[in-house]
N, C-alpha and C. Protein backbone atom coordinates (compact mmCIF):
# COMPACT_ATOMS: atom_id res chain seq x y z
N MET A 1 -16.08 30.67 -25.76
CA MET A 1 -17.07 30.44 -24.61
C MET A 1 -17.40 28.76 -24.51
N LYS A 2 -17.35 28.26 -25.80
CA LYS A 2 -17.51 26.82 -25.91
C LYS A 2 -16.36 26.11 -25.07
N TYR A 3 -15.22 26.62 -25.42
CA TYR A 3 -14.10 26.08 -24.64
C TYR A 3 -14.10 26.11 -23.21
N LEU A 4 -14.65 27.22 -22.74
CA LEU A 4 -14.56 27.38 -21.24
C LEU A 4 -15.80 26.40 -20.71
N LEU A 5 -16.91 26.13 -21.38
CA LEU A 5 -18.00 25.30 -20.90
C LEU A 5 -17.27 23.84 -20.89
N ALA A 6 -16.69 23.59 -21.80
CA ALA A 6 -16.19 22.19 -22.23
C ALA A 6 -15.08 21.92 -21.02
N ALA A 7 -14.07 22.97 -20.75
CA ALA A 7 -13.16 22.63 -19.70
C ALA A 7 -13.80 22.46 -18.36
N ALA A 8 -14.75 23.54 -18.16
CA ALA A 8 -15.48 23.42 -16.79
C ALA A 8 -16.39 22.09 -16.68
N VAL A 9 -16.88 21.50 -17.60
CA VAL A 9 -17.53 20.14 -17.68
C VAL A 9 -16.52 18.99 -17.38
N LEU A 10 -15.45 19.18 -18.06
CA LEU A 10 -14.23 18.18 -17.74
C LEU A 10 -13.95 18.19 -16.30
N ALA A 11 -13.59 19.18 -15.93
CA ALA A 11 -13.18 19.50 -14.53
C ALA A 11 -14.01 18.97 -13.62
N ALA A 12 -15.35 19.22 -13.73
CA ALA A 12 -16.31 18.60 -12.87
C ALA A 12 -16.30 17.12 -12.93
N TYR A 13 -16.21 16.62 -14.24
CA TYR A 13 -16.00 15.30 -14.19
C TYR A 13 -15.11 14.50 -13.57
N ALA A 14 -13.86 15.03 -13.70
CA ALA A 14 -12.51 14.57 -13.39
C ALA A 14 -12.69 14.68 -11.77
N ALA A 15 -13.19 15.69 -11.19
CA ALA A 15 -13.16 15.94 -9.57
C ALA A 15 -14.34 14.99 -9.03
N ALA A 16 -15.41 14.59 -9.83
CA ALA A 16 -16.15 13.56 -9.29
C ALA A 16 -15.92 12.20 -9.41
N HIS A 17 -15.02 11.84 -10.21
CA HIS A 17 -14.34 10.57 -10.44
C HIS A 17 -13.13 10.17 -9.92
N ALA A 18 -12.38 11.32 -9.46
CA ALA A 18 -11.10 11.34 -8.71
C ALA A 18 -11.24 10.83 -7.20
N GLY A 19 -10.25 10.10 -6.86
CA GLY A 19 -10.30 9.72 -5.27
C GLY A 19 -10.07 11.20 -4.33
N ALA A 20 -10.56 10.94 -3.31
CA ALA A 20 -10.22 11.99 -2.36
C ALA A 20 -8.72 12.04 -1.80
N PRO A 21 -8.25 13.06 -1.40
CA PRO A 21 -6.84 13.19 -0.88
C PRO A 21 -6.69 12.06 0.18
N ASN A 22 -5.20 11.91 0.61
CA ASN A 22 -4.80 11.14 1.31
C ASN A 22 -4.97 11.51 2.70
N GLU A 23 -5.99 11.11 3.64
CA GLU A 23 -6.22 11.62 5.03
C GLU A 23 -4.98 11.51 5.86
N ALA A 24 -3.99 10.38 5.57
CA ALA A 24 -2.92 10.42 6.49
C ALA A 24 -2.01 11.26 6.44
N VAL A 25 -2.23 12.21 5.40
CA VAL A 25 -1.16 13.39 5.42
C VAL A 25 -2.10 14.69 5.74
N ARG A 26 -1.40 15.42 6.64
CA ARG A 26 -1.92 16.70 7.09
C ARG A 26 -1.06 17.75 7.25
N THR A 27 -1.16 18.88 7.01
CA THR A 27 -0.46 19.97 7.21
C THR A 27 -0.98 20.85 8.20
N LEU A 28 -0.19 21.24 9.28
CA LEU A 28 -0.59 21.88 10.36
C LEU A 28 -0.17 23.39 10.45
N PRO A 29 -0.95 24.27 10.97
CA PRO A 29 -0.38 25.61 11.03
C PRO A 29 1.10 25.73 11.00
N GLY A 30 1.69 26.65 10.35
CA GLY A 30 3.21 26.70 10.56
C GLY A 30 3.96 25.72 9.52
N GLY A 31 3.09 25.04 8.57
CA GLY A 31 3.65 24.19 7.71
C GLY A 31 4.07 22.88 7.83
N ILE A 32 3.95 22.69 9.42
CA ILE A 32 4.38 21.12 9.93
C ILE A 32 3.55 20.08 9.38
N ARG A 33 4.12 19.28 8.64
CA ARG A 33 3.63 18.10 7.93
C ARG A 33 3.45 16.77 9.16
N MET A 34 2.23 16.46 9.37
CA MET A 34 2.08 15.25 10.15
C MET A 34 1.61 14.03 9.20
N VAL A 35 2.15 13.02 9.24
CA VAL A 35 1.87 11.76 8.57
C VAL A 35 1.62 10.66 9.29
N GLU A 36 0.42 10.05 9.18
CA GLU A 36 0.17 8.61 9.91
C GLU A 36 0.56 7.38 9.10
N GLU A 37 1.34 6.79 9.72
CA GLU A 37 1.80 5.51 9.01
C GLU A 37 0.88 4.46 8.88
N PRO A 38 0.79 3.68 8.13
CA PRO A 38 -0.21 2.68 7.83
C PRO A 38 0.19 1.36 9.13
N PRO A 39 -0.89 0.80 9.23
CA PRO A 39 -0.63 -0.50 10.29
C PRO A 39 0.15 -1.53 9.65
N GLY A 40 0.60 -2.42 10.69
CA GLY A 40 1.45 -3.49 10.17
C GLY A 40 0.52 -4.63 9.84
N PRO A 41 1.03 -5.81 9.66
CA PRO A 41 0.35 -6.98 9.00
C PRO A 41 -0.70 -7.36 10.36
N ARG A 42 -1.70 -8.11 9.97
CA ARG A 42 -2.67 -8.77 11.06
C ARG A 42 -1.89 -10.15 11.09
N ASN A 43 -1.34 -10.44 12.11
CA ASN A 43 -0.85 -11.81 12.10
C ASN A 43 -0.54 -12.13 13.57
N GLU A 44 -1.17 -13.09 14.09
CA GLU A 44 -1.33 -13.54 15.70
C GLU A 44 0.17 -13.77 16.07
N PHE A 45 1.09 -14.46 14.91
CA PHE A 45 2.16 -15.02 15.39
C PHE A 45 3.50 -14.09 15.29
N GLY A 46 3.19 -12.78 15.30
CA GLY A 46 4.24 -11.74 15.28
C GLY A 46 4.47 -11.16 13.68
N ARG A 47 5.20 -10.05 13.65
CA ARG A 47 5.41 -9.64 12.55
C ARG A 47 6.20 -10.38 11.61
N PRO A 48 5.94 -10.70 10.33
CA PRO A 48 6.72 -11.32 9.29
C PRO A 48 8.04 -10.78 9.15
N THR A 49 9.06 -11.80 8.75
CA THR A 49 10.43 -11.22 8.35
C THR A 49 10.49 -10.38 7.35
N PRO A 50 11.22 -9.21 7.47
CA PRO A 50 11.26 -8.24 6.35
C PRO A 50 11.83 -8.86 5.03
N MET A 51 11.22 -8.52 3.96
CA MET A 51 11.63 -8.81 2.56
C MET A 51 13.11 -8.56 2.49
N PRO A 52 13.90 -9.41 1.89
CA PRO A 52 15.22 -9.04 1.78
C PRO A 52 15.64 -8.13 0.63
N ALA A 53 16.71 -7.28 0.75
CA ALA A 53 17.02 -6.48 -0.20
C ALA A 53 17.18 -6.99 -1.62
N GLU A 54 17.50 -8.00 -1.72
CA GLU A 54 17.53 -8.46 -3.16
C GLU A 54 16.11 -8.61 -3.94
N ALA A 55 15.05 -8.58 -3.03
CA ALA A 55 13.69 -8.82 -3.82
C ALA A 55 13.50 -7.64 -4.68
N TRP A 56 14.22 -6.75 -4.60
CA TRP A 56 14.07 -5.28 -5.17
C TRP A 56 14.59 -5.61 -6.81
N SER A 57 15.11 -6.61 -6.93
CA SER A 57 15.66 -6.74 -8.27
C SER A 57 14.58 -6.85 -9.28
N SER A 58 14.74 -6.31 -10.37
CA SER A 58 13.60 -6.31 -11.42
C SER A 58 13.09 -7.45 -11.82
N GLY A 59 13.62 -8.55 -11.67
CA GLY A 59 13.35 -9.83 -12.10
C GLY A 59 12.27 -10.62 -11.20
N ALA A 60 12.29 -10.03 -9.75
CA ALA A 60 11.53 -10.59 -8.66
C ALA A 60 9.98 -10.40 -8.93
N GLY A 61 9.60 -9.57 -9.99
CA GLY A 61 8.17 -9.34 -10.14
C GLY A 61 7.35 -9.06 -8.94
N LEU A 62 7.72 -8.52 -7.73
CA LEU A 62 6.99 -8.14 -6.70
C LEU A 62 6.45 -6.61 -6.88
N PRO A 63 5.22 -6.55 -6.51
CA PRO A 63 4.72 -5.07 -6.63
C PRO A 63 5.46 -4.29 -5.56
N GLY A 64 5.56 -2.92 -5.93
CA GLY A 64 6.00 -2.12 -4.81
C GLY A 64 4.82 -1.23 -4.23
N TYR A 65 4.82 -0.84 -3.06
CA TYR A 65 3.75 -0.13 -2.28
C TYR A 65 4.27 1.20 -1.97
N VAL A 66 3.50 2.28 -2.53
CA VAL A 66 4.10 3.46 -2.35
C VAL A 66 3.21 4.20 -1.17
N ILE A 67 4.21 4.60 -0.07
CA ILE A 67 3.68 5.11 1.33
C ILE A 67 4.15 6.51 1.47
N GLU A 68 3.29 7.34 1.99
CA GLU A 68 3.75 8.57 2.38
C GLU A 68 4.27 8.54 3.78
N THR A 69 5.41 9.25 4.03
CA THR A 69 6.02 9.28 5.29
C THR A 69 6.41 10.80 5.53
N ARG A 70 6.76 11.08 6.79
CA ARG A 70 7.16 12.43 7.31
C ARG A 70 8.23 13.10 6.25
N THR A 71 9.11 12.41 5.87
CA THR A 71 10.32 12.77 4.82
C THR A 71 9.84 12.47 3.33
N GLY A 72 8.64 12.24 3.01
CA GLY A 72 8.43 11.89 1.71
C GLY A 72 7.80 10.68 1.43
N ARG A 73 7.88 10.48 0.10
CA ARG A 73 7.18 8.99 -0.32
C ARG A 73 8.36 7.88 -0.29
N VAL A 74 7.83 6.71 0.09
CA VAL A 74 8.82 5.55 0.08
C VAL A 74 8.07 4.55 -0.77
N GLU A 75 8.86 3.68 -1.38
CA GLU A 75 8.44 2.38 -1.81
C GLU A 75 8.92 1.18 -0.97
N CYS A 76 7.74 0.38 -0.62
CA CYS A 76 8.03 -0.82 0.07
C CYS A 76 7.65 -2.09 -0.51
N LEU A 77 8.28 -3.01 -0.14
CA LEU A 77 7.76 -4.39 -0.79
C LEU A 77 6.52 -5.05 0.01
N GLN A 78 6.16 -4.32 1.04
CA GLN A 78 5.09 -4.63 1.87
C GLN A 78 4.19 -3.35 1.93
N PRO A 79 2.95 -3.70 2.28
CA PRO A 79 2.11 -2.32 2.31
C PRO A 79 2.20 -1.63 3.83
N TRP A 80 3.52 -1.85 4.54
CA TRP A 80 3.72 -0.92 5.62
C TRP A 80 5.17 -0.59 5.51
N ILE A 81 5.65 0.05 6.50
CA ILE A 81 6.92 0.67 6.67
C ILE A 81 7.93 -0.55 7.03
N GLU A 82 9.00 -0.95 6.49
CA GLU A 82 9.96 -1.69 6.90
C GLU A 82 11.30 -1.25 6.67
N LYS A 83 12.40 -1.96 7.01
CA LYS A 83 13.81 -1.48 6.88
C LYS A 83 14.25 -1.52 5.52
N ASN A 84 13.52 -2.16 4.74
CA ASN A 84 14.09 -2.22 3.19
C ASN A 84 13.37 -1.48 2.29
N CYS A 85 12.42 -0.68 2.83
CA CYS A 85 11.81 0.55 2.03
C CYS A 85 12.94 1.37 1.47
N ARG A 86 12.57 2.01 0.14
CA ARG A 86 13.59 2.96 -0.45
C ARG A 86 12.83 4.08 -0.98
N VAL A 87 13.25 5.18 -1.24
CA VAL A 87 12.77 6.45 -1.49
C VAL A 87 12.22 6.29 -2.94
N TYR A 88 10.83 6.67 -3.01
CA TYR A 88 10.18 6.57 -4.24
C TYR A 88 10.64 7.46 -5.19
N GLN A 89 11.19 7.19 -6.33
CA GLN A 89 11.64 7.83 -7.45
C GLN A 89 10.94 7.51 -8.72
N PRO A 90 9.90 8.36 -8.97
CA PRO A 90 8.80 8.18 -10.21
C PRO A 90 9.82 8.09 -11.47
N GLY A 91 9.64 7.22 -12.41
CA GLY A 91 10.28 7.18 -13.53
C GLY A 91 11.64 6.50 -13.46
N ALA A 92 12.14 5.98 -12.39
CA ALA A 92 13.27 5.38 -12.17
C ALA A 92 13.24 3.89 -12.60
N GLU A 93 11.94 3.32 -12.35
CA GLU A 93 11.97 1.80 -12.75
C GLU A 93 10.57 1.45 -12.94
N GLN A 94 10.26 0.55 -13.98
CA GLN A 94 8.95 0.23 -14.33
C GLN A 94 8.72 -1.00 -13.58
N ARG A 95 7.52 -1.08 -12.72
CA ARG A 95 7.09 -2.22 -12.09
C ARG A 95 5.69 -1.87 -11.37
N LEU A 96 5.06 -3.06 -11.25
CA LEU A 96 3.82 -3.02 -10.70
C LEU A 96 3.79 -2.33 -9.18
N ARG A 97 2.74 -1.29 -9.03
CA ARG A 97 2.90 -0.57 -7.75
C ARG A 97 1.45 -0.43 -7.46
N ALA A 98 1.09 -0.08 -6.11
CA ALA A 98 -0.09 0.21 -5.51
C ALA A 98 0.16 1.41 -4.53
N TRP A 99 -0.69 2.22 -4.25
CA TRP A 99 -0.55 3.32 -3.34
C TRP A 99 -1.32 2.85 -1.92
N VAL A 100 -0.52 3.29 -1.00
CA VAL A 100 -1.38 2.90 0.32
C VAL A 100 -1.68 4.17 1.03
N ILE A 101 -3.01 4.52 1.04
CA ILE A 101 -3.51 5.69 1.32
C ILE A 101 -4.63 5.41 2.48
N LYS A 102 -5.24 6.57 3.16
CA LYS A 102 -6.15 6.41 3.90
C LYS A 102 -7.26 7.39 3.64
N ARG A 103 -8.53 6.90 3.48
CA ARG A 103 -9.61 7.82 3.00
C ARG A 103 -10.90 7.19 4.01
N GLY A 104 -11.67 8.06 4.35
CA GLY A 104 -12.90 7.74 5.14
C GLY A 104 -12.43 7.19 6.32
N GLY A 105 -11.34 7.15 7.02
CA GLY A 105 -10.86 6.72 8.14
C GLY A 105 -10.48 5.26 7.96
N GLN A 106 -10.35 4.80 6.68
CA GLN A 106 -9.80 3.48 6.31
C GLN A 106 -8.55 3.35 5.46
N TRP A 107 -7.93 2.54 5.94
CA TRP A 107 -6.56 2.21 4.98
C TRP A 107 -6.91 1.47 3.85
N LEU A 108 -6.38 1.75 2.81
CA LEU A 108 -6.68 1.28 1.41
C LEU A 108 -5.57 1.07 0.46
N LYS A 109 -5.50 0.00 -0.62
CA LYS A 109 -4.63 0.17 -1.44
C LYS A 109 -5.15 0.44 -2.97
N CYS A 110 -4.47 1.26 -3.41
CA CYS A 110 -5.14 1.70 -4.89
C CYS A 110 -4.33 1.73 -5.93
N PRO A 111 -4.61 1.47 -7.05
CA PRO A 111 -3.61 1.43 -8.28
C PRO A 111 -2.91 2.59 -8.61
N ARG A 112 -3.55 3.86 -8.17
CA ARG A 112 -2.98 5.00 -8.48
C ARG A 112 -3.43 5.95 -7.15
N GLN A 113 -2.47 7.06 -6.98
CA GLN A 113 -2.75 7.77 -5.77
C GLN A 113 -4.08 8.45 -5.95
N ASP A 114 -4.50 8.80 -6.91
CA ASP A 114 -5.85 9.64 -6.89
C ASP A 114 -6.99 8.69 -7.48
N SER A 115 -6.92 7.37 -7.34
CA SER A 115 -7.86 6.50 -7.96
C SER A 115 -9.23 6.36 -7.06
N ALA A 116 -10.32 6.09 -7.71
CA ALA A 116 -11.27 5.78 -7.03
C ALA A 116 -11.53 4.36 -6.78
N GLN A 117 -10.84 3.40 -7.53
CA GLN A 117 -10.82 2.05 -7.47
C GLN A 117 -9.89 1.32 -6.57
N CYS A 118 -10.37 1.51 -5.13
CA CYS A 118 -9.42 0.91 -4.19
C CYS A 118 -9.91 -0.24 -3.61
N VAL A 119 -9.15 -1.11 -2.66
CA VAL A 119 -9.50 -2.15 -2.01
C VAL A 119 -9.07 -2.01 -0.61
N GLY A 120 -9.54 -2.65 0.27
CA GLY A 120 -9.24 -2.67 1.78
C GLY A 120 -7.76 -2.94 1.98
N TYR A 121 -7.30 -2.52 2.87
CA TYR A 121 -5.67 -2.54 3.38
C TYR A 121 -5.25 -4.02 3.19
N TYR A 122 -6.15 -4.75 3.85
CA TYR A 122 -5.62 -6.33 3.91
C TYR A 122 -6.15 -7.17 2.85
N SER A 123 -6.75 -6.56 1.80
CA SER A 123 -7.09 -7.30 0.50
C SER A 123 -6.04 -7.29 -0.56
N PHE A 124 -6.07 -8.38 -1.44
CA PHE A 124 -5.15 -8.49 -2.60
C PHE A 124 -5.17 -7.00 -3.28
N PRO A 125 -3.84 -6.22 -3.47
CA PRO A 125 -3.83 -5.17 -4.16
C PRO A 125 -4.38 -5.21 -5.71
N LEU A 126 -4.85 -3.88 -6.04
CA LEU A 126 -4.82 -3.52 -7.29
C LEU A 126 -3.86 -2.68 -7.65
N THR A 127 -3.01 -3.24 -8.67
CA THR A 127 -1.74 -2.70 -9.21
C THR A 127 -1.85 -2.26 -10.59
N GLU A 128 -0.97 -1.31 -10.90
CA GLU A 128 -0.60 -1.04 -12.36
C GLU A 128 0.71 -0.87 -12.47
N VAL A 129 1.12 -1.15 -13.66
CA VAL A 129 2.56 -0.95 -14.12
C VAL A 129 2.75 0.43 -14.21
N GLN A 130 3.99 0.99 -13.40
CA GLN A 130 4.04 2.38 -13.46
C GLN A 130 5.51 2.66 -13.35
N GLU A 131 5.71 3.89 -13.87
CA GLU A 131 7.31 4.30 -13.78
C GLU A 131 7.70 4.90 -12.46
């Protein structure tokens, strides 16, 4: 009985401190997956040049941004979808990462997918080294 009570308290604590799900991902009746993509950069001079593919080299030190798409998770060098995004493969490479999610109608950057410690989409990201 003590263990059940402890498990219930722990589960309630985790639920209270975990972030809400990503509102950009919805499953419609019939199992159709709808995903809203994050906005691009705020730049009055046009979209910046995409990052070169060489920037993925492990020595570059750039963070990766994990973003949900219709076809699954991708990792990009910018917090929006561009041509040099790649399929996100957990455990394939250790690097700084942030997750781009939507909560409360706002786009955010979070150090983990379920983190409650997020910053605004156009803010400097909170990242963690992840595999």
